[in-house]
Amino acid sequence: MCSFFSQILTQECLLCTAADGGDLGLCASCQQDLPWHKAPCCPQCALPSSQGLLCGHCLTSPPAFDHTHALLRYDFPLDAMLQGYKYRDMLHMARVFGHLLGESVSARPRPDRLIPMPLHPLRLRERGYNQSLEVARIISKALDIALDYSSCERIKFTPPQASLPLKARASNMKGAFACHASLAGERVVLLDDVMTTGASLQALAKAIKKAGAAEVECWVIARTLPR
């Protein structure tokens, strides 16, 4: 009887349809083959950097955020997984990303609060859910971090960053966020799905630093790397 029910409840792998996808729906082989971001990188922006030192850009033009932890590279098959999650209502993927990202940051110092990247109300209505918030819920619960999805809001409705040339993304995000809480002296983590130029996280980090935060760290599922 137990064997019968265990066969019914076994998840197929999301990527290769192997019979045993484990608790997350990813078999051990596919999970190992994900494009993990393990190369030495700049601790501030997570771009490749010799020996893991601060890159030249962060030295000459420091961003408003202080650290970045990127779980994976934005590469196949993760790119397809994230696109399915964001644009095709594959909400079950939130559990996969939340577990993997949460596990990777579990040894890091706990922040005072975790703020997922806000969506403009019009974009939220269009999509039906905030993909960063759904992942943040899982990490908040697993690591016992206060989840804050109301102190910051997106006040400027802009074209999706992915639809714009790289050079236009910073100006697209100028003045896009407002923070209504006092974050004096706090260590805040921002959570987003993909970091490409960092323009969205930069604009949000500026608003949070303006609200008094002492330190801002970014946790992202994927980092786009130069080819």
C-alpha atoms as a PDB file:
ATOM      1  CA  MET A   1       0.000   0.000   0.000  1.00  0.00           C
ATOM      2  CA  CYS A   2       2.755   2.457   0.964  1.00  0.00           C
ATOM      3  CA  SER A   3       4.657   1.646  -2.217  1.00  0.00           C
ATOM      4  CA  PHE A   4       1.523   2.317  -4.301  1.00  0.00           C
ATOM      5  CA  PHE A   5       0.928   5.766  -2.751  1.00  0.00           C
ATOM      6  CA  SER A   6       4.612   6.735  -2.957  1.00  0.00           C
ATOM      7  CA  GLN A   7       4.501   6.053  -6.702  1.00  0.00           C
ATOM      8  CA  ILE A   8       1.403   8.248  -7.086  1.00  0.00           C
ATOM      9  CA  LEU A   9       2.984  11.129  -5.143  1.00  0.00           C
ATOM     10  CA  THR A  10       6.381  11.011  -6.880  1.00  0.00           C
ATOM     11  CA  GLN A  11       6.996  14.194  -8.866  1.00  0.00           C
ATOM     12  CA  GLU A  12       8.426  14.090 -12.347  1.00  0.00           C
ATOM     13  CA  CYS A  13      11.439  16.291 -12.988  1.00  0.00           C
ATOM     14  CA  LEU A  14      10.387  19.647 -14.426  1.00  0.00           C
ATOM     15  CA  LEU A  15      13.223  19.602 -16.936  1.00  0.00           C
ATOM     16  CA  CYS A  16      13.784  16.042 -18.119  1.00  0.00           C
ATOM     17  CA  THR A  17      10.579  14.295 -16.940  1.00  0.00           C
ATOM     18  CA  ALA A  18      12.612  11.699 -15.044  1.00  0.00           C
ATOM     19  CA  ALA A  19      10.369   9.744 -12.699  1.00  0.00           C
ATOM     20  CA  ASP A  20      12.003  11.001  -9.508  1.00  0.00           C
ATOM     21  CA  GLY A  21      12.040  14.777  -9.336  1.00  0.00           C
ATOM     22  CA  GLY A  22      12.425  14.806  -5.551  1.00  0.00           C
ATOM     23  CA  ASP A  23      10.705  17.284  -3.272  1.00  0.00           C
ATOM     24  CA  LEU A  24      11.277  20.218  -5.645  1.00  0.00           C
ATOM     25  CA  GLY A  25      10.461  18.487  -8.907  1.00  0.00           C
ATOM     26  CA  LEU A  26      14.088  18.576 -10.067  1.00  0.00           C
ATOM     27  CA  CYS A  27      16.063  15.367 -10.371  1.00  0.00           C
ATOM     28  CA  ALA A  28      19.583  15.358  -8.906  1.00  0.00           C
ATOM     29  CA  SER A  29      21.195  15.424 -12.344  1.00  0.00           C
ATOM     30  CA  CYS A  30      19.196  18.418 -13.625  1.00  0.00           C
ATOM     31  CA  GLN A  31      19.701  20.308 -10.382  1.00  0.00           C
ATOM     32  CA  GLN A  32      23.449  19.742 -10.613  1.00  0.00           C
ATOM     33  CA  ASP A  33      23.441  20.932 -14.236  1.00  0.00           C
ATOM     34  CA  LEU A  34      21.757  24.268 -13.502  1.00  0.00           C
ATOM     35  CA  PRO A  35      23.987  27.255 -14.399  1.00  0.00           C
ATOM     36  CA  TRP A  36      25.195  27.971 -10.855  1.00  0.00           C
ATOM     37  CA  HIS A  37      26.951  31.319 -10.402  1.00  0.00           C
ATOM     38  CA  LYS A  38      30.119  30.058  -8.759  1.00  0.00           C
ATOM     39  CA  ALA A  39      32.894  31.933 -10.571  1.00  0.00           C
ATOM     40  CA  PRO A  40      34.779  34.655  -8.666  1.00  0.00           C
ATOM     41  CA  CYS A  41      32.701  37.817  -8.821  1.00  0.00           C
ATOM     42  CA  CYS A  42      32.496  41.358  -7.536  1.00  0.00           C
ATOM     43  CA  PRO A  43      30.868  41.224  -4.077  1.00  0.00           C
ATOM     44  CA  GLN A  44      28.924  44.410  -4.804  1.00  0.00           C
ATOM     45  CA  CYS A  45      27.384  43.742  -8.230  1.00  0.00           C
ATOM     46  CA  ALA A  46      28.070  39.984  -8.742  1.00  0.00           C
ATOM     47  CA  LEU A  47      29.699  40.439 -12.158  1.00  0.00           C
ATOM     48  CA  PRO A  48      32.815  38.364 -12.860  1.00  0.00           C
ATOM     49  CA  SER A  49      35.853  39.828 -11.159  1.00  0.00           C
ATOM     50  CA  SER A  50      39.379  38.567 -10.736  1.00  0.00           C
ATOM     51  CA  GLN A  51      39.814  36.835  -7.360  1.00  0.00           C
ATOM     52  CA  GLY A  52      36.401  38.067  -6.233  1.00  0.00           C
ATOM     53  CA  LEU A  53      37.555  41.664  -5.739  1.00  0.00           C
ATOM     54  CA  LEU A  54      35.478  44.804  -6.299  1.00  0.00           C
ATOM     55  CA  CYS A  55      35.182  45.482 -10.012  1.00  0.00           C
ATOM     56  CA  GLY A  56      36.349  48.725 -11.604  1.00  0.00           C
ATOM     57  CA  HIS A  57      32.833  50.051 -12.103  1.00  0.00           C
ATOM     58  CA  CYS A  58      31.857  49.557  -8.459  1.00  0.00           C
ATOM     59  CA  LEU A  59      35.108  51.223  -7.372  1.00  0.00           C
ATOM     60  CA  THR A  60      34.619  54.296  -9.568  1.00  0.00           C
ATOM     61  CA  SER A  61      30.793  54.528  -9.473  1.00  0.00           C
ATOM     62  CA  PRO A  62      29.592  52.648  -6.377  1.00  0.00           C
ATOM     63  CA  PRO A  63      25.950  51.567  -6.607  1.00  0.00           C
ATOM     64  CA  ALA A  64      23.483  52.355  -3.820  1.00  0.00           C
ATOM     65  CA  PHE A  65      23.403  48.676  -2.789  1.00  0.00           C
ATOM     66  CA  ASP A  66      26.338  47.288  -0.843  1.00  0.00           C
ATOM     67  CA  HIS A  67      26.365  43.591  -1.753  1.00  0.00           C
ATOM     68  CA  THR A  68      24.785  41.215  -4.250  1.00  0.00           C
ATOM     69  CA  HIS A  69      24.277  37.476  -3.966  1.00  0.00           C
ATOM     70  CA  ALA A  70      23.281  35.809  -7.247  1.00  0.00           C
ATOM     71  CA  LEU A  71      22.279  32.149  -7.156  1.00  0.00           C
ATOM     72  CA  LEU A  72      22.516  31.290 -10.869  1.00  0.00           C
ATOM     73  CA  ARG A  73      23.587  32.687 -14.218  1.00  0.00           C
ATOM     74  CA  TYR A  74      20.779  33.737 -16.531  1.00  0.00           C
ATOM     75  CA  ASP A  75      21.397  30.949 -18.991  1.00  0.00           C
ATOM     76  CA  PHE A  76      19.690  27.824 -20.306  1.00  0.00           C
ATOM     77  CA  PRO A  77      17.618  26.161 -18.914  1.00  0.00           C
ATOM     78  CA  LEU A  78      17.093  28.716 -16.139  1.00  0.00           C
ATOM     79  CA  ASP A  79      16.071  31.441 -18.600  1.00  0.00           C
ATOM     80  CA  ALA A  80      13.168  29.290 -19.842  1.00  0.00           C
ATOM     81  CA  MET A  81      12.206  28.364 -16.279  1.00  0.00           C
ATOM     82  CA  LEU A  82      12.047  32.010 -15.207  1.00  0.00           C
ATOM     83  CA  GLN A  83      10.123  33.083 -18.297  1.00  0.00           C
ATOM     84  CA  GLY A  84       7.575  30.352 -17.643  1.00  0.00           C
ATOM     85  CA  TYR A  85       7.314  31.446 -14.022  1.00  0.00           C
ATOM     86  CA  LYS A  86       6.850  35.148 -14.832  1.00  0.00           C
ATOM     87  CA  TYR A  87       4.764  35.079 -17.978  1.00  0.00           C
ATOM     88  CA  ARG A  88       2.964  31.726 -18.115  1.00  0.00           C
ATOM     89  CA  ASP A  89       1.553  31.446 -14.597  1.00  0.00           C
ATOM     90  CA  MET A  90       3.901  28.641 -13.542  1.00  0.00           C
ATOM     91  CA  LEU A  91       3.540  29.643  -9.900  1.00  0.00           C
ATOM     92  CA  HIS A  92       4.745  26.273  -8.633  1.00  0.00           C
ATOM     93  CA  MET A  93       8.234  27.427  -9.682  1.00  0.00           C
ATOM     94  CA  ALA A  94       8.252  29.890  -6.766  1.00  0.00           C
ATOM     95  CA  ARG A  95       8.832  26.974  -4.408  1.00  0.00           C
ATOM     96  CA  VAL A  96      11.798  25.758  -6.465  1.00  0.00           C
ATOM     97  CA  PHE A  97      13.456  29.170  -6.618  1.00  0.00           C
ATOM     98  CA  GLY A  98      12.606  30.015  -3.004  1.00  0.00           C
ATOM     99  CA  HIS A  99      14.113  26.798  -1.693  1.00  0.00           C
ATOM    100  CA  LEU A 100      17.306  27.017  -3.772  1.00  0.00           C
ATOM    101  CA  LEU A 101      17.921  30.713  -3.089  1.00  0.00           C
ATOM    102  CA  GLY A 102      17.035  30.356   0.587  1.00  0.00           C
ATOM    103  CA  GLU A 103      19.426  27.460   1.003  1.00  0.00           C
ATOM    104  CA  SER A 104      22.240  29.445  -0.633  1.00  0.00           C
ATOM    105  CA  VAL A 105      21.858  32.418   1.758  1.00  0.00           C
ATOM    106  CA  SER A 106      21.050  30.461   4.920  1.00  0.00           C
ATOM    107  CA  ALA A 107      24.510  31.036   6.420  1.00  0.00           C
ATOM    108  CA  ARG A 108      24.520  34.785   5.727  1.00  0.00           C
ATOM    109  CA  PRO A 109      23.738  37.250   8.539  1.00  0.00           C
ATOM    110  CA  ARG A 110      19.986  37.767   8.914  1.00  0.00           C
ATOM    111  CA  PRO A 111      18.747  41.172   7.692  1.00  0.00           C
ATOM    112  CA  ASP A 112      16.200  43.254   9.589  1.00  0.00           C
ATOM    113  CA  ARG A 113      13.733  42.886   6.734  1.00  0.00           C
ATOM    114  CA  LEU A 114      13.319  41.362   3.308  1.00  0.00           C
ATOM    115  CA  ILE A 115      11.767  43.569   0.626  1.00  0.00           C
ATOM    116  CA  PRO A 116      10.730  41.989  -2.687  1.00  0.00           C
ATOM    117  CA  MET A 117      10.955  44.129  -5.818  1.00  0.00           C
ATOM    118  CA  PRO A 118       7.600  45.972  -6.003  1.00  0.00           C
ATOM    119  CA  LEU A 119       5.432  45.908  -9.113  1.00  0.00           C
ATOM    120  CA  HIS A 120       3.415  48.902 -10.233  1.00  0.00           C
ATOM    121  CA  PRO A 121      -0.305  48.311  -9.494  1.00  0.00           C
ATOM    122  CA  LEU A 122      -1.095  48.275 -13.215  1.00  0.00           C
ATOM    123  CA  ARG A 123       1.587  45.659 -13.881  1.00  0.00           C
ATOM    124  CA  LEU A 124       0.412  43.618 -10.897  1.00  0.00           C
ATOM    125  CA  ARG A 125      -3.148  43.674 -12.217  1.00  0.00           C
ATOM    126  CA  GLU A 126      -1.889  42.631 -15.646  1.00  0.00           C
ATOM    127  CA  ARG A 127       0.244  39.733 -14.381  1.00  0.00           C
ATOM    128  CA  GLY A 128      -1.887  38.703 -11.408  1.00  0.00           C
ATOM    129  CA  TYR A 129       1.025  38.154  -9.006  1.00  0.00           C
ATOM    130  CA  ASN A 130       4.407  39.574  -8.037  1.00  0.00           C
ATOM    131  CA  GLN A 131       6.982  36.900  -8.880  1.00  0.00           C
ATOM    132  CA  SER A 132       9.570  38.333  -6.455  1.00  0.00           C
ATOM    133  CA  LEU A 133       7.069  38.444  -3.592  1.00  0.00           C
ATOM    134  CA  GLU A 134       6.092  34.782  -4.042  1.00  0.00           C
ATOM    135  CA  VAL A 135       9.741  33.701  -3.748  1.00  0.00           C
ATOM    136  CA  ALA A 136      10.302  36.091  -0.828  1.00  0.00           C
ATOM    137  CA  ARG A 137       7.388  34.513   1.089  1.00  0.00           C
ATOM    138  CA  ILE A 138       9.117  31.143   1.002  1.00  0.00           C
ATOM    139  CA  ILE A 139      12.514  32.510   2.079  1.00  0.00           C
ATOM    140  CA  SER A 140      10.973  34.659   4.818  1.00  0.00           C
ATOM    141  CA  LYS A 141       9.238  31.652   6.348  1.00  0.00           C
ATOM    142  CA  ALA A 142      12.171  29.262   5.975  1.00  0.00           C
ATOM    143  CA  LEU A 143      14.776  31.648   7.424  1.00  0.00           C
ATOM    144  CA  ASP A 144      12.541  33.568   9.837  1.00  0.00           C
ATOM    145  CA  ILE A 145      13.163  36.967   8.221  1.00  0.00           C
ATOM    146  CA  ALA A 146      10.572  39.735   8.464  1.00  0.00           C
ATOM    147  CA  LEU A 147       8.876  40.127   5.087  1.00  0.00           C
ATOM    148  CA  ASP A 148       7.990  43.708   4.132  1.00  0.00           C
ATOM    149  CA  TYR A 149       5.968  44.181   0.950  1.00  0.00           C
ATOM    150  CA  SER A 150       4.147  47.362   1.910  1.00  0.00           C
ATOM    151  CA  SER A 151       6.784  49.952   2.880  1.00  0.00           C
ATOM    152  CA  CYS A 152       8.039  50.456  -0.667  1.00  0.00           C
ATOM    153  CA  GLU A 153       5.981  50.952  -3.796  1.00  0.00           C
ATOM    154  CA  ARG A 154       6.560  51.461  -7.470  1.00  0.00           C
ATOM    155  CA  ILE A 155       5.092  54.845  -8.289  1.00  0.00           C
ATOM    156  CA  LYS A 156       6.164  55.149 -11.921  1.00  0.00           C
ATOM    157  CA  PHE A 157       4.660  52.900 -14.577  1.00  0.00           C
ATOM    158  CA  THR A 158       7.440  52.064 -17.011  1.00  0.00           C
ATOM    159  CA  PRO A 159       8.001  49.729 -19.947  1.00  0.00           C
ATOM    160  CA  PRO A 160       9.450  46.357 -18.864  1.00  0.00           C
ATOM    161  CA  GLN A 161      13.204  46.604 -18.474  1.00  0.00           C
ATOM    162  CA  ALA A 162      13.726  43.561 -20.706  1.00  0.00           C
ATOM    163  CA  SER A 163      12.101  45.441 -23.595  1.00  0.00           C
ATOM    164  CA  LEU A 164      14.608  48.312 -23.482  1.00  0.00           C
ATOM    165  CA  PRO A 165      18.186  48.728 -24.710  1.00  0.00           C
ATOM    166  CA  LEU A 166      20.676  48.371 -21.858  1.00  0.00           C
ATOM    167  CA  LYS A 167      21.636  52.058 -21.918  1.00  0.00           C
ATOM    168  CA  ALA A 168      18.007  53.165 -21.529  1.00  0.00           C
ATOM    169  CA  ARG A 169      17.283  51.116 -18.431  1.00  0.00           C
ATOM    170  CA  ALA A 170      18.741  53.477 -15.818  1.00  0.00           C
ATOM    171  CA  SER A 171      16.731  56.481 -17.038  1.00  0.00           C
ATOM    172  CA  ASN A 172      13.641  54.280 -17.284  1.00  0.00           C
ATOM    173  CA  MET A 173      13.881  53.578 -13.537  1.00  0.00           C
ATOM    174  CA  LYS A 174      14.652  57.111 -12.349  1.00  0.00           C
ATOM    175  CA  GLY A 175      12.186  58.063  -9.618  1.00  0.00           C
ATOM    176  CA  ALA A 176      10.328  54.760  -9.995  1.00  0.00           C
ATOM    177  CA  PHE A 177      10.136  53.904  -6.270  1.00  0.00           C
ATOM    178  CA  ALA A 178       9.062  55.493  -3.010  1.00  0.00           C
ATOM    179  CA  CYS A 179       9.665  54.208   0.510  1.00  0.00           C
ATOM    180  CA  HIS A 180       7.158  55.245   3.194  1.00  0.00           C
ATOM    181  CA  ALA A 181       8.759  53.670   6.273  1.00  0.00           C
ATOM    182  CA  SER A 182      11.662  54.713   8.473  1.00  0.00           C
ATOM    183  CA  LEU A 183      14.466  52.212   7.971  1.00  0.00           C
ATOM    184  CA  ALA A 184      16.976  54.061  10.152  1.00  0.00           C
ATOM    185  CA  GLY A 185      20.050  51.942  10.821  1.00  0.00           C
ATOM    186  CA  GLU A 186      18.526  48.785   9.353  1.00  0.00           C
ATOM    187  CA  ARG A 187      20.128  46.135   7.223  1.00  0.00           C
ATOM    188  CA  VAL A 188      17.744  45.466   4.345  1.00  0.00           C
ATOM    189  CA  VAL A 189      17.756  42.745   1.707  1.00  0.00           C
ATOM    190  CA  LEU A 190      16.096  43.330  -1.665  1.00  0.00           C
ATOM    191  CA  LEU A 191      14.900  40.300  -3.576  1.00  0.00           C
ATOM    192  CA  ASP A 192      14.481  40.216  -7.345  1.00  0.00           C
ATOM    193  CA  ASP A 193      14.302  37.505  -9.966  1.00  0.00           C
ATOM    194  CA  VAL A 194      16.867  38.663 -12.543  1.00  0.00           C
ATOM    195  CA  MET A 195      19.621  41.276 -12.361  1.00  0.00           C
ATOM    196  CA  THR A 196      20.869  42.539 -15.721  1.00  0.00           C
ATOM    197  CA  THR A 197      22.126  46.134 -15.528  1.00  0.00           C
ATOM    198  CA  GLY A 198      21.018  46.453 -11.903  1.00  0.00           C
ATOM    199  CA  ALA A 199      18.992  49.583 -12.734  1.00  0.00           C
ATOM    200  CA  SER A 200      15.825  48.461 -10.917  1.00  0.00           C
ATOM    201  CA  LEU A 201      17.713  47.383  -7.809  1.00  0.00           C
ATOM    202  CA  GLN A 202      19.784  50.562  -7.917  1.00  0.00           C
ATOM    203  CA  ALA A 203      16.680  52.768  -8.000  1.00  0.00           C
ATOM    204  CA  LEU A 204      15.009  50.820  -5.183  1.00  0.00           C
ATOM    205  CA  ALA A 205      18.201  50.802  -3.096  1.00  0.00           C
ATOM    206  CA  LYS A 206      18.440  54.587  -3.460  1.00  0.00           C
ATOM    207  CA  ALA A 207      14.923  55.001  -2.088  1.00  0.00           C
ATOM    208  CA  ILE A 208      15.700  52.652   0.797  1.00  0.00           C
ATOM    209  CA  LYS A 209      18.969  54.390   1.651  1.00  0.00           C
ATOM    210  CA  LYS A 210      17.072  57.687   1.583  1.00  0.00           C
ATOM    211  CA  ALA A 211      14.712  56.164   4.177  1.00  0.00           C
ATOM    212  CA  GLY A 212      17.719  55.624   6.456  1.00  0.00           C
ATOM    213  CA  ALA A 213      18.857  52.053   5.796  1.00  0.00           C
ATOM    214  CA  ALA A 214      22.451  51.479   6.855  1.00  0.00           C
ATOM    215  CA  GLU A 215      23.104  48.601   4.462  1.00  0.00           C
ATOM    216  CA  VAL A 216      21.330  47.193   1.422  1.00  0.00           C
ATOM    217  CA  GLU A 217      22.022  43.746   0.016  1.00  0.00           C
ATOM    218  CA  CYS A 218      20.499  42.232  -3.130  1.00  0.00           C
ATOM    219  CA  TRP A 219      19.494  38.581  -3.409  1.00  0.00           C
ATOM    220  CA  VAL A 220      18.672  37.529  -6.946  1.00  0.00           C
ATOM    221  CA  ILE A 221      17.770  34.225  -8.530  1.00  0.00           C
ATOM    222  CA  ALA A 222      19.811  34.965 -11.652  1.00  0.00           C
ATOM    223  CA  ARG A 223      22.514  37.335 -12.849  1.00  0.00           C
ATOM    224  CA  THR A 224      22.893  38.148 -16.524  1.00  0.00           C
ATOM    225  CA  LEU A 225      26.596  38.009 -17.394  1.00  0.00           C
ATOM    226  CA  PRO A 226      28.410  39.589 -20.338  1.00  0.00           C
ATOM    227  CA  ARG A 227      29.176  37.206 -23.171  1.00  0.00           C
END
